[in-house]
Amino acid sequence: MTAASALPTVLVTLGSAVLAAGVTAILGGAGFLTAQDGSEPDVLIVDDSWLDDPSPLDGAAVVSLGSRAWVEVLPDLCPHGWASLPADATPAELIAAVYGAAAGLVTLPPAWLAPPDDEPLPSGEVTLTPRERDVLALLAEGLSNKRAARDLGVSESTVKFHVQALYSKLGVQSRAGAVARGIALGLVTV
């Protein structure tokens, strides 16, 4: 964010011109400034059309509008804050997501944190190793594998190994699912 403005600058890069106009109007009405040509925005607003090649987003604060697939992509690309919302997010959710991403936070709708109703919680006691607990706690903080590896003093492949072990033990297929299941089982708090 610039020193002259308390609000982050945004750049809306959506595939649909109608959706882009609506998002731009909502953010403009909330007082956000649009990044000018050539200037670096504080937050990029993207949609699922970026999923084919999200690499240009690397390092930027991003708010994605669209599918839940972003929850798997953004932690590794955006270590400084990101948000993922469904395309039908409310204006208030969009504004909160932009503030959150610009502040370096991770923002998701609550429904995306809870495991789907058709996935039963694992029966019996789930036992995690101390390192798996450490990795789960870092996932709950929204850290990427690279950042978690740095914080733990291990390689990124070691973190990936522990993440896969967590998925298996918790019966989930995503980072958000692991955190939600960990919360539900009392293995991690946020």
N, C-alpha and C. Protein backbone atom coordinates (compact mmCIF):
# COMPACT_ATOMS: atom_id res chain seq x y z
N MET A 1 0.85 -1.19 0.00
CA MET A 1 0.00 0.00 0.00
C MET A 1 0.88 1.23 0.00
N THR A 2 0.40 2.26 -0.63
CA THR A 2 1.16 3.50 -0.69
C THR A 2 0.99 4.26 0.61
N ALA A 3 1.96 5.10 0.91
CA ALA A 3 1.91 5.88 2.15
C ALA A 3 0.78 6.90 2.11
N ALA A 4 0.46 7.38 0.91
CA ALA A 4 -0.57 8.42 0.79
C ALA A 4 -1.97 7.85 0.94
N SER A 5 -2.12 6.55 0.78
CA SER A 5 -3.45 5.95 0.82
C SER A 5 -3.48 4.82 1.83
N ALA A 6 -4.52 4.81 2.66
CA ALA A 6 -4.67 3.73 3.62
C ALA A 6 -5.28 2.51 2.96
N LEU A 7 -5.85 2.68 1.79
CA LEU A 7 -6.49 1.57 1.08
C LEU A 7 -5.52 0.98 0.06
N PRO A 8 -5.52 -0.36 -0.08
CA PRO A 8 -4.64 -0.96 -1.08
C PRO A 8 -5.12 -0.64 -2.49
N THR A 9 -4.17 -0.62 -3.43
CA THR A 9 -4.54 -0.48 -4.84
C THR A 9 -4.83 -1.86 -5.39
N VAL A 10 -5.76 -1.94 -6.32
CA VAL A 10 -6.16 -3.23 -6.88
C VAL A 10 -6.06 -3.20 -8.40
N LEU A 11 -5.88 -4.37 -8.97
CA LEU A 11 -5.92 -4.55 -10.41
C LEU A 11 -6.84 -5.72 -10.68
N VAL A 12 -7.95 -5.46 -11.37
CA VAL A 12 -8.95 -6.48 -11.67
C VAL A 12 -8.60 -7.10 -13.02
N THR A 13 -8.32 -8.41 -13.02
CA THR A 13 -7.93 -9.12 -14.24
C THR A 13 -8.83 -10.33 -14.43
N LEU A 14 -10.10 -10.08 -14.65
CA LEU A 14 -11.08 -11.15 -14.79
C LEU A 14 -11.40 -11.38 -16.26
N GLY A 15 -11.69 -12.62 -16.61
CA GLY A 15 -11.99 -12.98 -18.00
C GLY A 15 -13.31 -12.41 -18.49
N SER A 16 -14.29 -12.29 -17.62
CA SER A 16 -15.60 -11.77 -17.99
C SER A 16 -15.63 -10.25 -17.81
N ALA A 17 -15.91 -9.53 -18.88
CA ALA A 17 -15.96 -8.07 -18.82
C ALA A 17 -17.08 -7.60 -17.89
N VAL A 18 -18.19 -8.32 -17.87
CA VAL A 18 -19.32 -7.94 -17.01
C VAL A 18 -18.93 -8.11 -15.54
N LEU A 19 -18.33 -9.26 -15.22
CA LEU A 19 -17.90 -9.50 -13.85
C LEU A 19 -16.81 -8.50 -13.43
N ALA A 20 -15.88 -8.22 -14.33
CA ALA A 20 -14.82 -7.25 -14.05
C ALA A 20 -15.40 -5.88 -13.76
N ALA A 21 -16.40 -5.46 -14.54
CA ALA A 21 -17.03 -4.16 -14.32
C ALA A 21 -17.73 -4.12 -12.97
N GLY A 22 -18.40 -5.20 -12.61
CA GLY A 22 -19.09 -5.26 -11.32
C GLY A 22 -18.11 -5.21 -10.15
N VAL A 23 -17.04 -5.98 -10.24
CA VAL A 23 -16.03 -6.00 -9.18
C VAL A 23 -15.36 -4.64 -9.07
N THR A 24 -15.03 -4.04 -10.21
CA THR A 24 -14.40 -2.72 -10.21
C THR A 24 -15.33 -1.68 -9.57
N ALA A 25 -16.62 -1.76 -9.88
CA ALA A 25 -17.59 -0.82 -9.30
C ALA A 25 -17.71 -1.01 -7.79
N ILE A 26 -17.74 -2.26 -7.34
CA ILE A 26 -17.84 -2.54 -5.90
C ILE A 26 -16.62 -1.99 -5.17
N LEU A 27 -15.44 -2.28 -5.71
CA LEU A 27 -14.22 -1.84 -5.05
C LEU A 27 -14.05 -0.32 -5.13
N GLY A 28 -14.43 0.27 -6.26
CA GLY A 28 -14.38 1.73 -6.40
C GLY A 28 -15.33 2.40 -5.42
N GLY A 29 -16.52 1.82 -5.26
CA GLY A 29 -17.49 2.36 -4.32
C GLY A 29 -17.01 2.29 -2.88
N ALA A 30 -16.11 1.32 -2.59
CA ALA A 30 -15.56 1.19 -1.25
C ALA A 30 -14.32 2.06 -1.07
N GLY A 31 -13.93 2.78 -2.13
CA GLY A 31 -12.81 3.70 -2.03
C GLY A 31 -11.47 3.16 -2.48
N PHE A 32 -11.42 1.91 -2.96
CA PHE A 32 -10.16 1.35 -3.43
C PHE A 32 -9.76 2.03 -4.73
N LEU A 33 -8.46 2.22 -4.92
CA LEU A 33 -7.94 2.82 -6.14
C LEU A 33 -7.49 1.72 -7.08
N THR A 34 -7.73 1.93 -8.36
CA THR A 34 -7.27 0.99 -9.38
C THR A 34 -5.83 1.32 -9.71
N ALA A 35 -4.99 0.30 -9.76
CA ALA A 35 -3.57 0.51 -10.10
C ALA A 35 -3.48 1.05 -11.52
N GLN A 36 -2.65 2.04 -11.70
CA GLN A 36 -2.47 2.64 -13.02
C GLN A 36 -1.51 1.79 -13.84
N ASP A 37 -1.58 1.93 -15.17
CA ASP A 37 -0.70 1.18 -16.06
C ASP A 37 0.75 1.38 -15.65
N GLY A 38 1.46 0.27 -15.53
CA GLY A 38 2.87 0.33 -15.19
C GLY A 38 3.16 0.32 -13.70
N SER A 39 2.15 0.60 -12.87
CA SER A 39 2.40 0.59 -11.43
C SER A 39 2.01 -0.78 -10.86
N GLU A 40 2.68 -1.17 -9.82
CA GLU A 40 2.47 -2.46 -9.18
C GLU A 40 1.27 -2.36 -8.23
N PRO A 41 0.22 -3.18 -8.44
CA PRO A 41 -0.93 -3.12 -7.52
C PRO A 41 -0.59 -3.83 -6.21
N ASP A 42 -1.31 -3.47 -5.16
CA ASP A 42 -1.16 -4.17 -3.88
C ASP A 42 -1.84 -5.53 -3.94
N VAL A 43 -2.98 -5.60 -4.68
CA VAL A 43 -3.76 -6.84 -4.76
C VAL A 43 -4.24 -7.05 -6.19
N LEU A 44 -4.07 -8.28 -6.68
CA LEU A 44 -4.62 -8.67 -7.98
C LEU A 44 -5.92 -9.43 -7.76
N ILE A 45 -6.92 -9.14 -8.56
CA ILE A 45 -8.19 -9.87 -8.51
C ILE A 45 -8.21 -10.76 -9.76
N VAL A 46 -8.29 -12.08 -9.56
CA VAL A 46 -8.23 -13.02 -10.68
C VAL A 46 -9.42 -13.97 -10.63
N ASP A 47 -9.60 -14.72 -11.72
CA ASP A 47 -10.65 -15.73 -11.78
C ASP A 47 -10.04 -17.05 -12.25
N ASP A 48 -10.89 -18.03 -12.50
CA ASP A 48 -10.42 -19.37 -12.86
C ASP A 48 -9.67 -19.42 -14.18
N SER A 49 -9.78 -18.39 -15.02
CA SER A 49 -9.03 -18.39 -16.27
C SER A 49 -7.52 -18.37 -16.01
N TRP A 50 -7.10 -17.95 -14.82
CA TRP A 50 -5.68 -17.92 -14.45
C TRP A 50 -5.18 -19.28 -13.98
N LEU A 51 -6.09 -20.24 -13.71
CA LEU A 51 -5.68 -21.53 -13.19
C LEU A 51 -4.79 -22.31 -14.17
N ASP A 52 -4.97 -22.08 -15.48
CA ASP A 52 -4.15 -22.78 -16.47
C ASP A 52 -2.68 -22.43 -16.33
N ASP A 53 -2.37 -21.18 -16.02
CA ASP A 53 -0.98 -20.75 -15.81
C ASP A 53 -0.95 -19.64 -14.77
N PRO A 54 -0.94 -20.03 -13.48
CA PRO A 54 -0.94 -19.02 -12.42
C PRO A 54 0.45 -18.46 -12.10
N SER A 55 1.48 -18.92 -12.78
CA SER A 55 2.84 -18.51 -12.43
C SER A 55 3.08 -16.99 -12.44
N PRO A 56 2.42 -16.20 -13.31
CA PRO A 56 2.64 -14.74 -13.23
C PRO A 56 2.18 -14.12 -11.91
N LEU A 57 1.38 -14.86 -11.14
CA LEU A 57 0.88 -14.34 -9.87
C LEU A 57 1.89 -14.50 -8.75
N ASP A 58 2.98 -15.20 -9.00
CA ASP A 58 3.96 -15.55 -7.99
C ASP A 58 4.40 -14.34 -7.16
N GLY A 59 4.12 -14.40 -5.87
CA GLY A 59 4.57 -13.36 -4.95
C GLY A 59 3.58 -12.24 -4.71
N ALA A 60 2.62 -12.03 -5.59
CA ALA A 60 1.66 -10.94 -5.42
C ALA A 60 0.58 -11.34 -4.42
N ALA A 61 -0.05 -10.36 -3.79
CA ALA A 61 -1.25 -10.62 -2.99
C ALA A 61 -2.39 -10.80 -3.99
N VAL A 62 -3.16 -11.88 -3.82
CA VAL A 62 -4.16 -12.25 -4.81
C VAL A 62 -5.50 -12.53 -4.14
N VAL A 63 -6.57 -12.09 -4.80
CA VAL A 63 -7.92 -12.50 -4.43
C VAL A 63 -8.48 -13.23 -5.65
N SER A 64 -8.79 -14.52 -5.48
CA SER A 64 -9.34 -15.30 -6.58
C SER A 64 -10.85 -15.43 -6.41
N LEU A 65 -11.54 -15.32 -7.52
CA LEU A 65 -12.99 -15.51 -7.54
C LEU A 65 -13.27 -16.72 -8.43
N GLY A 66 -13.87 -17.74 -7.87
CA GLY A 66 -14.16 -18.92 -8.68
C GLY A 66 -14.16 -20.19 -7.87
N SER A 67 -13.39 -21.17 -8.35
CA SER A 67 -13.46 -22.50 -7.77
C SER A 67 -12.58 -22.64 -6.54
N ARG A 68 -12.85 -23.71 -5.81
CA ARG A 68 -12.09 -24.06 -4.61
C ARG A 68 -10.68 -24.51 -4.95
N ALA A 69 -10.39 -24.78 -6.21
CA ALA A 69 -9.07 -25.24 -6.63
C ALA A 69 -7.98 -24.24 -6.24
N TRP A 70 -8.33 -22.98 -6.12
CA TRP A 70 -7.37 -21.94 -5.75
C TRP A 70 -6.76 -22.20 -4.37
N VAL A 71 -7.49 -22.86 -3.50
CA VAL A 71 -7.01 -23.12 -2.15
C VAL A 71 -5.74 -23.98 -2.19
N GLU A 72 -5.60 -24.80 -3.21
CA GLU A 72 -4.41 -25.63 -3.37
C GLU A 72 -3.28 -24.88 -4.06
N VAL A 73 -3.61 -23.91 -4.90
CA VAL A 73 -2.62 -23.23 -5.73
C VAL A 73 -1.99 -22.03 -5.03
N LEU A 74 -2.80 -21.22 -4.38
CA LEU A 74 -2.33 -19.93 -3.85
C LEU A 74 -1.32 -19.99 -2.70
N PRO A 75 -1.38 -20.97 -1.79
CA PRO A 75 -0.39 -20.95 -0.70
C PRO A 75 1.07 -20.97 -1.20
N ASP A 76 1.34 -21.69 -2.27
CA ASP A 76 2.71 -21.75 -2.78
C ASP A 76 3.07 -20.52 -3.61
N LEU A 77 2.08 -19.88 -4.21
CA LEU A 77 2.35 -18.72 -5.06
C LEU A 77 2.37 -17.39 -4.31
N CYS A 78 1.60 -17.31 -3.25
CA CYS A 78 1.38 -16.02 -2.58
C CYS A 78 1.73 -16.09 -1.10
N PRO A 79 2.99 -16.05 -0.78
CA PRO A 79 3.37 -16.16 0.63
C PRO A 79 3.01 -14.93 1.45
N HIS A 80 2.63 -13.84 0.80
CA HIS A 80 2.36 -12.59 1.51
C HIS A 80 0.89 -12.24 1.61
N GLY A 81 0.02 -13.21 1.46
CA GLY A 81 -1.40 -12.95 1.62
C GLY A 81 -2.20 -13.29 0.39
N TRP A 82 -3.35 -13.92 0.60
CA TRP A 82 -4.22 -14.28 -0.50
C TRP A 82 -5.61 -14.57 0.04
N ALA A 83 -6.56 -14.58 -0.88
CA ALA A 83 -7.94 -14.91 -0.53
C ALA A 83 -8.53 -15.69 -1.69
N SER A 84 -9.45 -16.57 -1.36
CA SER A 84 -10.15 -17.33 -2.39
C SER A 84 -11.63 -17.31 -2.04
N LEU A 85 -12.44 -16.87 -2.99
CA LEU A 85 -13.87 -16.73 -2.79
C LEU A 85 -14.62 -17.37 -3.95
N PRO A 86 -15.85 -17.83 -3.70
CA PRO A 86 -16.66 -18.29 -4.83
C PRO A 86 -17.04 -17.10 -5.70
N ALA A 87 -17.37 -17.37 -6.96
CA ALA A 87 -17.72 -16.29 -7.89
C ALA A 87 -18.95 -15.50 -7.43
N ASP A 88 -19.79 -16.11 -6.60
CA ASP A 88 -21.00 -15.41 -6.14
C ASP A 88 -20.81 -14.77 -4.76
N ALA A 89 -19.57 -14.45 -4.42
CA ALA A 89 -19.28 -13.80 -3.13
C ALA A 89 -20.01 -12.47 -3.03
N THR A 90 -20.32 -12.07 -1.81
CA THR A 90 -21.00 -10.80 -1.60
C THR A 90 -19.99 -9.66 -1.69
N PRO A 91 -20.47 -8.44 -1.90
CA PRO A 91 -19.54 -7.29 -1.89
C PRO A 91 -18.75 -7.18 -0.59
N ALA A 92 -19.40 -7.44 0.54
CA ALA A 92 -18.69 -7.36 1.83
C ALA A 92 -17.57 -8.40 1.90
N GLU A 93 -17.82 -9.61 1.39
CA GLU A 93 -16.79 -10.65 1.39
C GLU A 93 -15.62 -10.25 0.49
N LEU A 94 -15.94 -9.66 -0.66
CA LEU A 94 -14.89 -9.22 -1.59
C LEU A 94 -14.03 -8.13 -0.94
N ILE A 95 -14.65 -7.16 -0.33
CA ILE A 95 -13.91 -6.07 0.31
C ILE A 95 -13.04 -6.60 1.45
N ALA A 96 -13.60 -7.49 2.26
CA ALA A 96 -12.82 -8.07 3.36
C ALA A 96 -11.65 -8.89 2.82
N ALA A 97 -11.86 -9.60 1.71
CA ALA A 97 -10.80 -10.40 1.12
C ALA A 97 -9.66 -9.52 0.62
N VAL A 98 -9.98 -8.39 0.00
CA VAL A 98 -8.94 -7.47 -0.48
C VAL A 98 -8.14 -6.91 0.70
N TYR A 99 -8.82 -6.47 1.74
CA TYR A 99 -8.12 -5.98 2.93
C TYR A 99 -7.23 -7.07 3.52
N GLY A 100 -7.77 -8.28 3.64
CA GLY A 100 -7.01 -9.38 4.22
C GLY A 100 -5.78 -9.72 3.42
N ALA A 101 -5.94 -9.89 2.11
CA ALA A 101 -4.79 -10.24 1.25
C ALA A 101 -3.73 -9.15 1.31
N ALA A 102 -4.15 -7.89 1.27
CA ALA A 102 -3.20 -6.78 1.32
C ALA A 102 -2.45 -6.74 2.66
N ALA A 103 -3.10 -7.21 3.72
CA ALA A 103 -2.49 -7.22 5.05
C ALA A 103 -1.64 -8.47 5.28
N GLY A 104 -1.58 -9.36 4.28
CA GLY A 104 -0.78 -10.57 4.42
C GLY A 104 -1.51 -11.73 5.06
N LEU A 105 -2.83 -11.66 5.09
CA LEU A 105 -3.64 -12.72 5.69
C LEU A 105 -4.20 -13.66 4.63
N VAL A 106 -4.68 -14.80 5.08
CA VAL A 106 -5.37 -15.75 4.21
C VAL A 106 -6.85 -15.66 4.54
N THR A 107 -7.68 -15.48 3.52
CA THR A 107 -9.11 -15.33 3.72
C THR A 107 -9.86 -16.35 2.89
N LEU A 108 -10.72 -17.12 3.55
CA LEU A 108 -11.56 -18.12 2.89
C LEU A 108 -12.96 -18.05 3.47
N PRO A 109 -13.97 -18.43 2.68
CA PRO A 109 -15.31 -18.51 3.26
C PRO A 109 -15.35 -19.66 4.27
N PRO A 110 -16.07 -19.51 5.36
CA PRO A 110 -16.12 -20.56 6.39
C PRO A 110 -16.52 -21.93 5.83
N ALA A 111 -17.42 -21.96 4.87
CA ALA A 111 -17.87 -23.24 4.31
C ALA A 111 -16.73 -24.00 3.65
N TRP A 112 -15.71 -23.29 3.16
CA TRP A 112 -14.58 -23.95 2.50
C TRP A 112 -13.60 -24.54 3.51
N LEU A 113 -13.74 -24.20 4.79
CA LEU A 113 -12.88 -24.77 5.82
C LEU A 113 -13.45 -26.06 6.39
N ALA A 114 -14.77 -26.20 6.36
CA ALA A 114 -15.41 -27.38 6.93
C ALA A 114 -15.36 -28.54 5.95
N PRO A 115 -15.16 -29.76 6.47
CA PRO A 115 -15.19 -30.90 5.55
C PRO A 115 -16.60 -31.08 5.02
N PRO A 116 -16.74 -31.54 3.77
CA PRO A 116 -18.07 -31.78 3.23
C PRO A 116 -18.82 -32.77 4.12
N ASP A 117 -20.14 -32.59 4.18
CA ASP A 117 -20.98 -33.41 5.06
C ASP A 117 -20.91 -34.90 4.73
N ASP A 118 -20.64 -35.24 3.49
CA ASP A 118 -20.63 -36.65 3.12
C ASP A 118 -19.32 -37.36 3.49
N GLU A 119 -18.34 -36.63 4.02
CA GLU A 119 -17.10 -37.24 4.46
C GLU A 119 -17.15 -37.41 5.97
N PRO A 120 -17.33 -38.65 6.45
CA PRO A 120 -17.37 -38.84 7.90
C PRO A 120 -16.00 -38.62 8.52
N LEU A 121 -16.02 -38.15 9.76
CA LEU A 121 -14.77 -38.01 10.48
C LEU A 121 -14.19 -39.39 10.72
N PRO A 122 -12.87 -39.53 10.70
CA PRO A 122 -12.29 -40.85 10.93
C PRO A 122 -12.67 -41.37 12.30
N SER A 123 -12.94 -42.66 12.35
CA SER A 123 -13.31 -43.24 13.65
C SER A 123 -12.04 -43.54 14.43
N GLY A 124 -12.17 -43.54 15.73
CA GLY A 124 -11.03 -43.84 16.57
C GLY A 124 -10.11 -42.65 16.73
N GLU A 125 -9.02 -42.88 17.36
CA GLU A 125 -8.04 -41.85 17.66
C GLU A 125 -7.11 -41.64 16.46
N VAL A 126 -6.91 -40.40 16.06
CA VAL A 126 -5.93 -40.08 15.02
C VAL A 126 -4.65 -39.71 15.74
N THR A 127 -3.58 -40.42 15.42
CA THR A 127 -2.31 -40.17 16.08
C THR A 127 -1.35 -39.53 15.09
N LEU A 128 -0.88 -38.34 15.43
CA LEU A 128 0.09 -37.64 14.60
C LEU A 128 1.43 -37.61 15.31
N THR A 129 2.49 -37.66 14.51
CA THR A 129 3.83 -37.51 15.07
C THR A 129 4.00 -36.04 15.48
N PRO A 130 4.98 -35.75 16.32
CA PRO A 130 5.21 -34.34 16.68
C PRO A 130 5.47 -33.46 15.44
N ARG A 131 6.22 -33.98 14.46
CA ARG A 131 6.51 -33.19 13.26
C ARG A 131 5.24 -32.98 12.44
N GLU A 132 4.36 -34.00 12.35
CA GLU A 132 3.09 -33.84 11.64
C GLU A 132 2.23 -32.78 12.32
N ARG A 133 2.27 -32.75 13.65
CA ARG A 133 1.54 -31.69 14.37
C ARG A 133 2.10 -30.31 14.04
N ASP A 134 3.43 -30.22 13.95
CA ASP A 134 4.07 -28.95 13.59
C ASP A 134 3.63 -28.51 12.20
N VAL A 135 3.65 -29.46 11.25
CA VAL A 135 3.27 -29.14 9.87
C VAL A 135 1.80 -28.75 9.81
N LEU A 136 0.93 -29.47 10.53
CA LEU A 136 -0.49 -29.13 10.55
C LEU A 136 -0.71 -27.72 11.10
N ALA A 137 0.02 -27.36 12.14
CA ALA A 137 -0.10 -26.01 12.71
C ALA A 137 0.31 -24.95 11.70
N LEU A 138 1.37 -25.23 10.92
CA LEU A 138 1.82 -24.27 9.91
C LEU A 138 0.83 -24.20 8.75
N LEU A 139 0.19 -25.33 8.41
CA LEU A 139 -0.86 -25.30 7.39
C LEU A 139 -2.01 -24.42 7.87
N ALA A 140 -2.34 -24.53 9.15
CA ALA A 140 -3.44 -23.73 9.71
C ALA A 140 -3.12 -22.25 9.66
N GLU A 141 -1.83 -21.90 9.67
CA GLU A 141 -1.42 -20.50 9.55
C GLU A 141 -1.42 -20.03 8.10
N GLY A 142 -1.66 -20.97 7.16
CA GLY A 142 -1.70 -20.60 5.75
C GLY A 142 -0.34 -20.56 5.07
N LEU A 143 0.67 -21.16 5.68
CA LEU A 143 2.01 -21.11 5.10
C LEU A 143 2.15 -22.08 3.92
N SER A 144 2.95 -21.71 2.97
CA SER A 144 3.26 -22.58 1.84
C SER A 144 4.24 -23.65 2.30
N ASN A 145 4.42 -24.69 1.49
CA ASN A 145 5.39 -25.74 1.81
C ASN A 145 6.78 -25.15 1.95
N LYS A 146 7.12 -24.22 1.05
CA LYS A 146 8.45 -23.62 1.07
C LYS A 146 8.68 -22.85 2.38
N ARG A 147 7.70 -22.07 2.78
CA ARG A 147 7.83 -21.29 4.02
C ARG A 147 7.83 -22.20 5.24
N ALA A 148 6.99 -23.25 5.23
CA ALA A 148 6.96 -24.20 6.35
C ALA A 148 8.31 -24.90 6.47
N ALA A 149 8.89 -25.27 5.34
CA ALA A 149 10.21 -25.92 5.35
C ALA A 149 11.25 -25.00 5.98
N ARG A 150 11.21 -23.74 5.59
CA ARG A 150 12.16 -22.77 6.14
C ARG A 150 11.96 -22.63 7.66
N ASP A 151 10.71 -22.51 8.10
CA ASP A 151 10.43 -22.35 9.53
C ASP A 151 10.84 -23.58 10.34
N LEU A 152 10.70 -24.77 9.74
CA LEU A 152 11.03 -26.00 10.45
C LEU A 152 12.48 -26.42 10.28
N GLY A 153 13.19 -25.79 9.35
CA GLY A 153 14.58 -26.15 9.12
C GLY A 153 14.75 -27.48 8.41
N VAL A 154 13.79 -27.80 7.53
CA VAL A 154 13.84 -29.05 6.76
C VAL A 154 13.66 -28.71 5.29
N SER A 155 13.78 -29.73 4.44
CA SER A 155 13.60 -29.49 3.00
C SER A 155 12.12 -29.39 2.66
N GLU A 156 11.85 -28.78 1.52
CA GLU A 156 10.46 -28.67 1.05
C GLU A 156 9.87 -30.05 0.79
N SER A 157 10.71 -31.01 0.30
CA SER A 157 10.18 -32.36 0.06
C SER A 157 9.80 -33.06 1.35
N THR A 158 10.51 -32.75 2.44
CA THR A 158 10.14 -33.33 3.73
C THR A 158 8.78 -32.81 4.17
N VAL A 159 8.55 -31.53 3.97
CA VAL A 159 7.24 -30.96 4.32
C VAL A 159 6.16 -31.60 3.46
N LYS A 160 6.41 -31.76 2.15
CA LYS A 160 5.43 -32.40 1.27
C LYS A 160 5.12 -33.82 1.74
N PHE A 161 6.15 -34.54 2.19
CA PHE A 161 5.95 -35.89 2.71
C PHE A 161 5.01 -35.86 3.91
N HIS A 162 5.25 -34.93 4.85
CA HIS A 162 4.41 -34.83 6.04
C HIS A 162 2.99 -34.39 5.68
N VAL A 163 2.85 -33.52 4.70
CA VAL A 163 1.52 -33.08 4.27
C VAL A 163 0.75 -34.28 3.72
N GLN A 164 1.40 -35.11 2.89
CA GLN A 164 0.73 -36.29 2.35
C GLN A 164 0.35 -37.27 3.46
N ALA A 165 1.22 -37.42 4.46
CA ALA A 165 0.91 -38.29 5.60
C ALA A 165 -0.31 -37.76 6.36
N LEU A 166 -0.37 -36.43 6.50
CA LEU A 166 -1.53 -35.81 7.16
C LEU A 166 -2.81 -36.10 6.37
N TYR A 167 -2.74 -35.93 5.04
CA TYR A 167 -3.92 -36.20 4.21
C TYR A 167 -4.41 -37.62 4.44
N SER A 168 -3.48 -38.56 4.46
CA SER A 168 -3.84 -39.96 4.63
C SER A 168 -4.44 -40.22 6.01
N LYS A 169 -3.78 -39.74 7.05
CA LYS A 169 -4.26 -39.99 8.41
C LYS A 169 -5.59 -39.30 8.70
N LEU A 170 -5.79 -38.13 8.11
CA LEU A 170 -7.01 -37.37 8.38
C LEU A 170 -8.12 -37.68 7.38
N GLY A 171 -7.81 -38.43 6.33
CA GLY A 171 -8.83 -38.80 5.34
C GLY A 171 -9.30 -37.64 4.51
N VAL A 172 -8.37 -36.76 4.10
CA VAL A 172 -8.71 -35.58 3.31
C VAL A 172 -7.85 -35.54 2.06
N GLN A 173 -8.15 -34.57 1.18
CA GLN A 173 -7.41 -34.45 -0.07
C GLN A 173 -6.89 -33.05 -0.32
N SER A 174 -6.99 -32.16 0.68
CA SER A 174 -6.55 -30.79 0.47
C SER A 174 -6.03 -30.19 1.77
N ARG A 175 -5.29 -29.10 1.62
CA ARG A 175 -4.77 -28.38 2.79
C ARG A 175 -5.91 -27.86 3.66
N ALA A 176 -6.90 -27.27 3.02
CA ALA A 176 -8.05 -26.74 3.77
C ALA A 176 -8.77 -27.86 4.49
N GLY A 177 -8.91 -29.01 3.82
CA GLY A 177 -9.54 -30.16 4.45
C GLY A 177 -8.76 -30.66 5.65
N ALA A 178 -7.42 -30.67 5.54
CA ALA A 178 -6.58 -31.11 6.66
C ALA A 178 -6.74 -30.18 7.85
N VAL A 179 -6.75 -28.87 7.60
CA VAL A 179 -6.91 -27.91 8.68
C VAL A 179 -8.29 -28.06 9.32
N ALA A 180 -9.33 -28.16 8.48
CA ALA A 180 -10.69 -28.29 9.01
C ALA A 180 -10.84 -29.57 9.84
N ARG A 181 -10.30 -30.67 9.32
CA ARG A 181 -10.38 -31.93 10.05
C ARG A 181 -9.55 -31.85 11.33
N GLY A 182 -8.40 -31.22 11.26
CA GLY A 182 -7.56 -31.05 12.46
C GLY A 182 -8.26 -30.24 13.53
N ILE A 183 -8.98 -29.20 13.10
CA ILE A 183 -9.75 -28.39 14.06
C ILE A 183 -10.87 -29.21 14.67
N ALA A 184 -11.60 -29.95 13.80
CA ALA A 184 -12.73 -30.76 14.27
C ALA A 184 -12.28 -31.82 15.27
N LEU A 185 -11.07 -32.35 15.09
CA LEU A 185 -10.56 -33.39 15.98
C LEU A 185 -9.78 -32.84 17.18
N GLY A 186 -9.66 -31.51 17.24
CA GLY A 186 -8.93 -30.89 18.35
C GLY A 186 -7.42 -31.03 18.24
N LEU A 187 -6.92 -31.30 17.04
CA LEU A 187 -5.48 -31.45 16.84
C LEU A 187 -4.77 -30.12 16.62
N VAL A 188 -5.54 -29.11 16.24
CA VAL A 188 -4.97 -27.79 15.98
C VAL A 188 -6.02 -26.74 16.33
N THR A 189 -5.57 -25.58 16.75
CA THR A 189 -6.48 -24.47 17.01
C THR A 189 -6.04 -23.29 16.16
N VAL A 190 -6.99 -22.47 15.80
CA VAL A 190 -6.69 -21.27 15.01
C VAL A 190 -7.16 -20.04 15.73
